[in-house]
Amino acid sequence: MLSSLIVAFVSAGALTAAPQAPASDRPRIVAFGDSLTSGRGIGADLAFPAILQDRIDHDGFSYTVVNAGVSGDTSARALRRFDAAMEGNVAVLILALGANDGLRGVPVGTLKSNLSRMLETAERRNISVLLCGMEALPMHGWDYSVAFHNAYRDLARQFGATLVPFILRNVIGDPTLMQPDHAHPNEAGARAIADTIWTYLEPLLHKTADEHAVAR
């Protein structure tokens, strides 16, 4: 009799594990950037946001990574679509913009102003931010390159964001990690970028999980 009751109880699903929340209901991690984020030349499925999603799932975190990269975007162009990209329950913003600003010689003050508006929105909504530092080649002069580099450090300090070093630092000079255009990472390069970002994202996710546990 007892065994029959147990079988019926299990069959009814009372002893099964609680299902995980659907991906659409999970907090979002928005990777907001340009072609380095979108996966130009390799596709979104192989770009660094997809690799981060695999690692998040493997480690048991419950987040959905959104690839909000658009090839060719400057900080000004991206700003126009920022609010739409940040709709919903966004927990973390990976802000990876500026490469195209540096190539075009966009004034550093303009870059900082555009990124500041995005960071202000994230701060107002209590969204954690990983600010990915970018570099400008010295084609516009060394003073410009130095000011460009320092802009990310200054913004991270001002808004309390976590500064991620130049995500192409160990990639751009390695032909085994770059596409033939010498400007965009290949599949291995995207994994290297994900490695760099994961170093900073993983502890942030642990911290967020701990804070939610305490809040309960």
C-alpha atoms as a PDB file:
ATOM      1  CA  MET A   1       0.000   0.000   0.000  1.00  0.00           C
ATOM      2  CA  LEU A   2       2.759   2.435   1.003  1.00  0.00           C
ATOM      3  CA  SER A   3       4.753   1.654  -2.137  1.00  0.00           C
ATOM      4  CA  SER A   4       1.686   2.316  -4.277  1.00  0.00           C
ATOM      5  CA  LEU A   5       1.212   5.696  -2.630  1.00  0.00           C
ATOM      6  CA  ILE A   6       4.867   6.620  -3.259  1.00  0.00           C
ATOM      7  CA  VAL A   7       4.607   5.646  -6.928  1.00  0.00           C
ATOM      8  CA  ALA A   8       1.448   7.712  -7.321  1.00  0.00           C
ATOM      9  CA  PHE A   9       3.060  10.650  -5.500  1.00  0.00           C
ATOM     10  CA  VAL A  10       6.100  10.645  -7.789  1.00  0.00           C
ATOM     11  CA  SER A  11       3.979  10.125 -10.909  1.00  0.00           C
ATOM     12  CA  ALA A  12       2.003  13.223  -9.998  1.00  0.00           C
ATOM     13  CA  GLY A  13       5.250  15.198 -10.007  1.00  0.00           C
ATOM     14  CA  ALA A  14       5.307  16.028  -6.297  1.00  0.00           C
ATOM     15  CA  LEU A  15       8.868  14.728  -5.876  1.00  0.00           C
ATOM     16  CA  THR A  16      10.296  16.105  -9.090  1.00  0.00           C
ATOM     17  CA  ALA A  17      12.732  19.005  -9.035  1.00  0.00           C
ATOM     18  CA  ALA A  18      11.324  22.461  -9.563  1.00  0.00           C
ATOM     19  CA  PRO A  19      11.710  23.474 -13.208  1.00  0.00           C
ATOM     20  CA  GLN A  20      14.122  26.253 -14.066  1.00  0.00           C
ATOM     21  CA  ALA A  21      12.681  29.575 -15.086  1.00  0.00           C
ATOM     22  CA  PRO A  22      12.255  29.950 -18.837  1.00  0.00           C
ATOM     23  CA  ALA A  23      15.019  31.946 -20.498  1.00  0.00           C
ATOM     24  CA  SER A  24      12.555  34.751 -21.190  1.00  0.00           C
ATOM     25  CA  ASP A  25      11.889  35.156 -17.447  1.00  0.00           C
ATOM     26  CA  ARG A  26      15.519  35.317 -16.343  1.00  0.00           C
ATOM     27  CA  PRO A  27      17.355  38.550 -15.548  1.00  0.00           C
ATOM     28  CA  ARG A  28      19.192  39.799 -18.605  1.00  0.00           C
ATOM     29  CA  ILE A  29      22.849  40.520 -19.241  1.00  0.00           C
ATOM     30  CA  VAL A  30      22.981  42.940 -22.156  1.00  0.00           C
ATOM     31  CA  ALA A  31      26.182  42.974 -24.198  1.00  0.00           C
ATOM     32  CA  PHE A  32      25.906  46.374 -25.853  1.00  0.00           C
ATOM     33  CA  GLY A  33      28.497  47.126 -28.487  1.00  0.00           C
ATOM     34  CA  ASP A  34      29.584  47.094 -32.101  1.00  0.00           C
ATOM     35  CA  SER A  35      30.967  44.440 -34.473  1.00  0.00           C
ATOM     36  CA  LEU A  36      33.243  43.029 -31.766  1.00  0.00           C
ATOM     37  CA  THR A  37      30.050  42.135 -29.904  1.00  0.00           C
ATOM     38  CA  SER A  38      27.754  41.261 -32.804  1.00  0.00           C
ATOM     39  CA  GLY A  39      30.170  38.695 -34.250  1.00  0.00           C
ATOM     40  CA  ARG A  40      30.884  40.211 -37.645  1.00  0.00           C
ATOM     41  CA  GLY A  41      32.418  37.566 -39.883  1.00  0.00           C
ATOM     42  CA  ILE A  42      31.692  34.652 -37.534  1.00  0.00           C
ATOM     43  CA  GLY A  43      28.037  35.134 -36.611  1.00  0.00           C
ATOM     44  CA  ALA A  44      26.292  35.808 -33.317  1.00  0.00           C
ATOM     45  CA  ASP A  45      26.328  32.118 -32.341  1.00  0.00           C
ATOM     46  CA  LEU A  46      30.127  32.243 -32.096  1.00  0.00           C
ATOM     47  CA  ALA A  47      30.540  35.775 -30.737  1.00  0.00           C
ATOM     48  CA  PHE A  48      31.588  36.394 -27.143  1.00  0.00           C
ATOM     49  CA  PRO A  49      28.026  36.909 -25.759  1.00  0.00           C
ATOM     50  CA  ALA A  50      27.078  33.370 -26.862  1.00  0.00           C
ATOM     51  CA  ILE A  51      30.222  31.974 -25.250  1.00  0.00           C
ATOM     52  CA  LEU A  52      29.388  33.797 -22.022  1.00  0.00           C
ATOM     53  CA  GLN A  53      25.883  32.284 -22.116  1.00  0.00           C
ATOM     54  CA  ASP A  54      27.378  28.796 -22.338  1.00  0.00           C
ATOM     55  CA  ARG A  55      29.583  29.462 -19.316  1.00  0.00           C
ATOM     56  CA  ILE A  56      26.713  30.965 -17.338  1.00  0.00           C
ATOM     57  CA  ASP A  57      24.565  27.920 -18.030  1.00  0.00           C
ATOM     58  CA  HIS A  58      27.420  25.526 -17.231  1.00  0.00           C
ATOM     59  CA  ASP A  59      28.044  27.208 -13.872  1.00  0.00           C
ATOM     60  CA  GLY A  60      24.375  27.183 -12.920  1.00  0.00           C
ATOM     61  CA  PHE A  61      23.656  30.915 -13.056  1.00  0.00           C
ATOM     62  CA  SER A  62      20.193  31.929 -14.199  1.00  0.00           C
ATOM     63  CA  TYR A  63      20.715  34.759 -16.668  1.00  0.00           C
ATOM     64  CA  THR A  64      19.977  35.338 -20.327  1.00  0.00           C
ATOM     65  CA  VAL A  65      22.735  37.040 -22.295  1.00  0.00           C
ATOM     66  CA  VAL A  66      21.456  39.388 -24.996  1.00  0.00           C
ATOM     67  CA  ASN A  67      23.715  40.222 -27.926  1.00  0.00           C
ATOM     68  CA  ALA A  68      22.943  43.895 -28.569  1.00  0.00           C
ATOM     69  CA  GLY A  69      25.909  44.516 -30.847  1.00  0.00           C
ATOM     70  CA  VAL A  70      25.515  46.345 -34.158  1.00  0.00           C
ATOM     71  CA  SER A  71      28.380  46.373 -36.612  1.00  0.00           C
ATOM     72  CA  GLY A  72      29.760  49.824 -37.333  1.00  0.00           C
ATOM     73  CA  ASP A  73      28.174  51.549 -34.364  1.00  0.00           C
ATOM     74  CA  THR A  74      29.848  54.552 -32.821  1.00  0.00           C
ATOM     75  CA  SER A  75      28.883  55.649 -29.334  1.00  0.00           C
ATOM     76  CA  ALA A  76      26.557  58.263 -30.862  1.00  0.00           C
ATOM     77  CA  ARG A  77      24.720  55.793 -33.079  1.00  0.00           C
ATOM     78  CA  ALA A  78      24.459  53.279 -30.269  1.00  0.00           C
ATOM     79  CA  LEU A  79      23.060  55.874 -27.902  1.00  0.00           C
ATOM     80  CA  ARG A  80      19.992  56.233 -30.114  1.00  0.00           C
ATOM     81  CA  ARG A  81      19.080  52.578 -29.609  1.00  0.00           C
ATOM     82  CA  PHE A  82      20.241  52.227 -26.020  1.00  0.00           C
ATOM     83  CA  ASP A  83      16.905  52.613 -24.242  1.00  0.00           C
ATOM     84  CA  ALA A  84      15.243  49.997 -26.440  1.00  0.00           C
ATOM     85  CA  ALA A  85      18.093  47.550 -25.827  1.00  0.00           C
ATOM     86  CA  MET A  86      17.767  48.019 -22.072  1.00  0.00           C
ATOM     87  CA  GLU A  87      14.085  47.181 -21.814  1.00  0.00           C
ATOM     88  CA  GLY A  88      13.072  44.497 -19.346  1.00  0.00           C
ATOM     89  CA  ASN A  89      14.778  43.054 -16.301  1.00  0.00           C
ATOM     90  CA  VAL A  90      18.401  43.951 -16.993  1.00  0.00           C
ATOM     91  CA  ALA A  91      20.825  42.977 -14.236  1.00  0.00           C
ATOM     92  CA  VAL A  92      24.173  43.551 -15.936  1.00  0.00           C
ATOM     93  CA  LEU A  93      25.336  45.779 -18.780  1.00  0.00           C
ATOM     94  CA  ILE A  94      28.497  44.855 -20.676  1.00  0.00           C
ATOM     95  CA  LEU A  95      29.300  48.157 -22.367  1.00  0.00           C
ATOM     96  CA  ALA A  96      31.769  47.589 -25.207  1.00  0.00           C
ATOM     97  CA  LEU A  97      31.737  50.690 -27.380  1.00  0.00           C
ATOM     98  CA  GLY A  98      34.299  53.125 -28.706  1.00  0.00           C
ATOM     99  CA  ALA A  99      36.365  51.197 -31.244  1.00  0.00           C
ATOM    100  CA  ASN A 100      34.697  52.978 -34.150  1.00  0.00           C
ATOM    101  CA  ASP A 101      34.907  56.330 -32.364  1.00  0.00           C
ATOM    102  CA  GLY A 102      38.656  55.880 -32.122  1.00  0.00           C
ATOM    103  CA  LEU A 103      39.000  54.939 -35.778  1.00  0.00           C
ATOM    104  CA  ARG A 104      37.048  58.024 -36.833  1.00  0.00           C
ATOM    105  CA  GLY A 105      38.799  60.389 -34.455  1.00  0.00           C
ATOM    106  CA  VAL A 106      35.590  61.293 -32.628  1.00  0.00           C
ATOM    107  CA  PRO A 107      36.441  63.880 -29.957  1.00  0.00           C
ATOM    108  CA  VAL A 108      37.090  62.223 -26.623  1.00  0.00           C
ATOM    109  CA  GLY A 109      34.649  64.616 -24.961  1.00  0.00           C
ATOM    110  CA  THR A 110      31.897  63.378 -27.273  1.00  0.00           C
ATOM    111  CA  LEU A 111      32.726  59.746 -26.517  1.00  0.00           C
ATOM    112  CA  LYS A 112      32.644  60.413 -22.780  1.00  0.00           C
ATOM    113  CA  SER A 113      29.357  62.288 -23.030  1.00  0.00           C
ATOM    114  CA  ASN A 114      27.662  59.464 -24.940  1.00  0.00           C
ATOM    115  CA  LEU A 115      28.962  56.736 -22.637  1.00  0.00           C
ATOM    116  CA  SER A 116      28.075  58.835 -19.585  1.00  0.00           C
ATOM    117  CA  ARG A 117      24.429  58.963 -20.622  1.00  0.00           C
ATOM    118  CA  MET A 118      24.356  55.167 -20.856  1.00  0.00           C
ATOM    119  CA  LEU A 119      26.121  54.793 -17.526  1.00  0.00           C
ATOM    120  CA  GLU A 120      23.765  57.262 -15.883  1.00  0.00           C
ATOM    121  CA  THR A 121      20.796  55.158 -17.016  1.00  0.00           C
ATOM    122  CA  ALA A 122      22.390  52.004 -15.637  1.00  0.00           C
ATOM    123  CA  GLU A 123      23.211  53.729 -12.351  1.00  0.00           C
ATOM    124  CA  ARG A 124      19.657  55.027 -11.996  1.00  0.00           C
ATOM    125  CA  ARG A 125      18.293  51.506 -12.526  1.00  0.00           C
ATOM    126  CA  ASN A 126      20.848  49.807 -10.231  1.00  0.00           C
ATOM    127  CA  ILE A 127      22.271  47.827 -13.152  1.00  0.00           C
ATOM    128  CA  SER A 128      25.798  46.515 -12.636  1.00  0.00           C
ATOM    129  CA  VAL A 129      28.177  47.582 -15.405  1.00  0.00           C
ATOM    130  CA  LEU A 130      31.261  46.065 -16.960  1.00  0.00           C
ATOM    131  CA  LEU A 131      32.845  48.900 -18.936  1.00  0.00           C
ATOM    132  CA  CYS A 132      35.130  47.468 -21.601  1.00  0.00           C
ATOM    133  CA  GLY A 133      38.044  49.786 -22.206  1.00  0.00           C
ATOM    134  CA  MET A 134      38.912  50.546 -25.812  1.00  0.00           C
ATOM    135  CA  GLU A 135      42.059  51.961 -27.380  1.00  0.00           C
ATOM    136  CA  ALA A 136      42.635  54.372 -30.275  1.00  0.00           C
ATOM    137  CA  LEU A 137      45.494  53.840 -32.677  1.00  0.00           C
ATOM    138  CA  PRO A 138      47.937  56.780 -32.800  1.00  0.00           C
ATOM    139  CA  MET A 139      46.750  57.794 -36.281  1.00  0.00           C
ATOM    140  CA  HIS A 140      45.152  60.815 -34.624  1.00  0.00           C
ATOM    141  CA  GLY A 141      48.185  61.619 -32.476  1.00  0.00           C
ATOM    142  CA  TRP A 142      49.502  60.286 -29.184  1.00  0.00           C
ATOM    143  CA  ASP A 143      47.665  62.883 -27.125  1.00  0.00           C
ATOM    144  CA  TYR A 144      44.379  61.663 -28.560  1.00  0.00           C
ATOM    145  CA  SER A 145      45.274  58.018 -27.867  1.00  0.00           C
ATOM    146  CA  VAL A 146      46.211  58.790 -24.251  1.00  0.00           C
ATOM    147  CA  ALA A 147      43.070  60.843 -23.652  1.00  0.00           C
ATOM    148  CA  PHE A 148      40.978  58.106 -25.249  1.00  0.00           C
ATOM    149  CA  HIS A 149      42.534  55.461 -22.974  1.00  0.00           C
ATOM    150  CA  ASN A 150      42.033  57.588 -19.870  1.00  0.00           C
ATOM    151  CA  ALA A 151      38.379  58.261 -20.682  1.00  0.00           C
ATOM    152  CA  TYR A 152      37.378  54.727 -19.711  1.00  0.00           C
ATOM    153  CA  ARG A 153      39.327  54.841 -16.475  1.00  0.00           C
ATOM    154  CA  ASP A 154      37.698  58.152 -15.564  1.00  0.00           C
ATOM    155  CA  LEU A 155      34.199  56.942 -16.413  1.00  0.00           C
ATOM    156  CA  ALA A 156      34.634  53.739 -14.411  1.00  0.00           C
ATOM    157  CA  ARG A 157      35.670  55.757 -11.375  1.00  0.00           C
ATOM    158  CA  GLN A 158      32.874  58.280 -11.785  1.00  0.00           C
ATOM    159  CA  PHE A 159      30.105  55.698 -12.060  1.00  0.00           C
ATOM    160  CA  GLY A 160      31.543  52.854 -10.001  1.00  0.00           C
ATOM    161  CA  ALA A 161      31.649  50.532 -13.003  1.00  0.00           C
ATOM    162  CA  THR A 162      33.998  47.572 -13.261  1.00  0.00           C
ATOM    163  CA  LEU A 163      36.651  48.393 -15.849  1.00  0.00           C
ATOM    164  CA  VAL A 164      37.567  45.527 -18.168  1.00  0.00           C
ATOM    165  CA  PRO A 165      40.938  45.954 -19.928  1.00  0.00           C
ATOM    166  CA  PHE A 166      41.032  46.344 -23.702  1.00  0.00           C
ATOM    167  CA  ILE A 167      39.254  43.191 -24.888  1.00  0.00           C
ATOM    168  CA  LEU A 168      41.509  42.872 -27.940  1.00  0.00           C
ATOM    169  CA  ARG A 169      44.676  43.291 -25.899  1.00  0.00           C
ATOM    170  CA  ASN A 170      45.873  39.721 -26.384  1.00  0.00           C
ATOM    171  CA  VAL A 171      43.985  39.204 -29.629  1.00  0.00           C
ATOM    172  CA  ILE A 172      44.633  41.928 -32.177  1.00  0.00           C
ATOM    173  CA  GLY A 173      48.326  41.153 -32.653  1.00  0.00           C
ATOM    174  CA  ASP A 174      47.869  37.404 -32.951  1.00  0.00           C
ATOM    175  CA  PRO A 175      47.028  36.250 -36.495  1.00  0.00           C
ATOM    176  CA  THR A 176      45.699  32.946 -35.147  1.00  0.00           C
ATOM    177  CA  LEU A 177      42.970  34.865 -33.320  1.00  0.00           C
ATOM    178  CA  MET A 178      42.010  37.347 -36.031  1.00  0.00           C
ATOM    179  CA  GLN A 179      40.073  37.158 -39.263  1.00  0.00           C
ATOM    180  CA  PRO A 180      41.873  37.960 -42.547  1.00  0.00           C
ATOM    181  CA  ASP A 181      40.708  41.599 -42.279  1.00  0.00           C
ATOM    182  CA  HIS A 182      43.028  41.979 -39.227  1.00  0.00           C
ATOM    183  CA  ALA A 183      40.256  43.948 -37.514  1.00  0.00           C
ATOM    184  CA  HIS A 184      37.805  41.352 -36.199  1.00  0.00           C
ATOM    185  CA  PRO A 185      38.352  38.271 -34.046  1.00  0.00           C
ATOM    186  CA  ASN A 186      37.795  34.790 -35.424  1.00  0.00           C
ATOM    187  CA  GLU A 187      36.166  32.023 -33.383  1.00  0.00           C
ATOM    188  CA  ALA A 188      39.259  31.524 -31.233  1.00  0.00           C
ATOM    189  CA  GLY A 189      39.576  35.272 -30.796  1.00  0.00           C
ATOM    190  CA  ALA A 190      35.969  35.517 -29.620  1.00  0.00           C
ATOM    191  CA  ARG A 191      36.722  32.856 -27.018  1.00  0.00           C
ATOM    192  CA  ALA A 192      39.733  34.878 -25.883  1.00  0.00           C
ATOM    193  CA  ILE A 193      37.541  37.964 -25.518  1.00  0.00           C
ATOM    194  CA  ALA A 194      35.027  35.918 -23.519  1.00  0.00           C
ATOM    195  CA  ASP A 195      37.884  34.735 -21.273  1.00  0.00           C
ATOM    196  CA  THR A 196      38.825  38.332 -20.519  1.00  0.00           C
ATOM    197  CA  ILE A 197      35.268  39.417 -19.780  1.00  0.00           C
ATOM    198  CA  TRP A 198      34.461  36.280 -17.769  1.00  0.00           C
ATOM    199  CA  THR A 199      37.281  37.096 -15.351  1.00  0.00           C
ATOM    200  CA  TYR A 200      35.256  40.140 -14.292  1.00  0.00           C
ATOM    201  CA  LEU A 201      31.731  38.887 -14.927  1.00  0.00           C
ATOM    202  CA  GLU A 202      31.895  35.678 -12.886  1.00  0.00           C
ATOM    203  CA  PRO A 203      32.654  37.337  -9.503  1.00  0.00           C
ATOM    204  CA  LEU A 204      30.014  39.948 -10.259  1.00  0.00           C
ATOM    205  CA  LEU A 205      27.411  37.215 -10.758  1.00  0.00           C
ATOM    206  CA  HIS A 206      28.443  35.511  -7.517  1.00  0.00           C
ATOM    207  CA  LYS A 207      28.135  38.831  -5.694  1.00  0.00           C
ATOM    208  CA  THR A 208      24.706  39.477  -7.190  1.00  0.00           C
ATOM    209  CA  ALA A 209      23.525  35.993  -6.238  1.00  0.00           C
ATOM    210  CA  ASP A 210      24.763  36.481  -2.655  1.00  0.00           C
ATOM    211  CA  GLU A 211      23.016  39.855  -2.382  1.00  0.00           C
ATOM    212  CA  HIS A 212      19.734  38.346  -3.576  1.00  0.00           C
ATOM    213  CA  ALA A 213      20.070  35.523  -1.043  1.00  0.00           C
ATOM    214  CA  VAL A 214      20.566  38.024   1.791  1.00  0.00           C
ATOM    215  CA  ALA A 215      17.620  40.116   0.580  1.00  0.00           C
ATOM    216  CA  ARG A 216      15.347  37.080   0.865  1.00  0.00           C
END
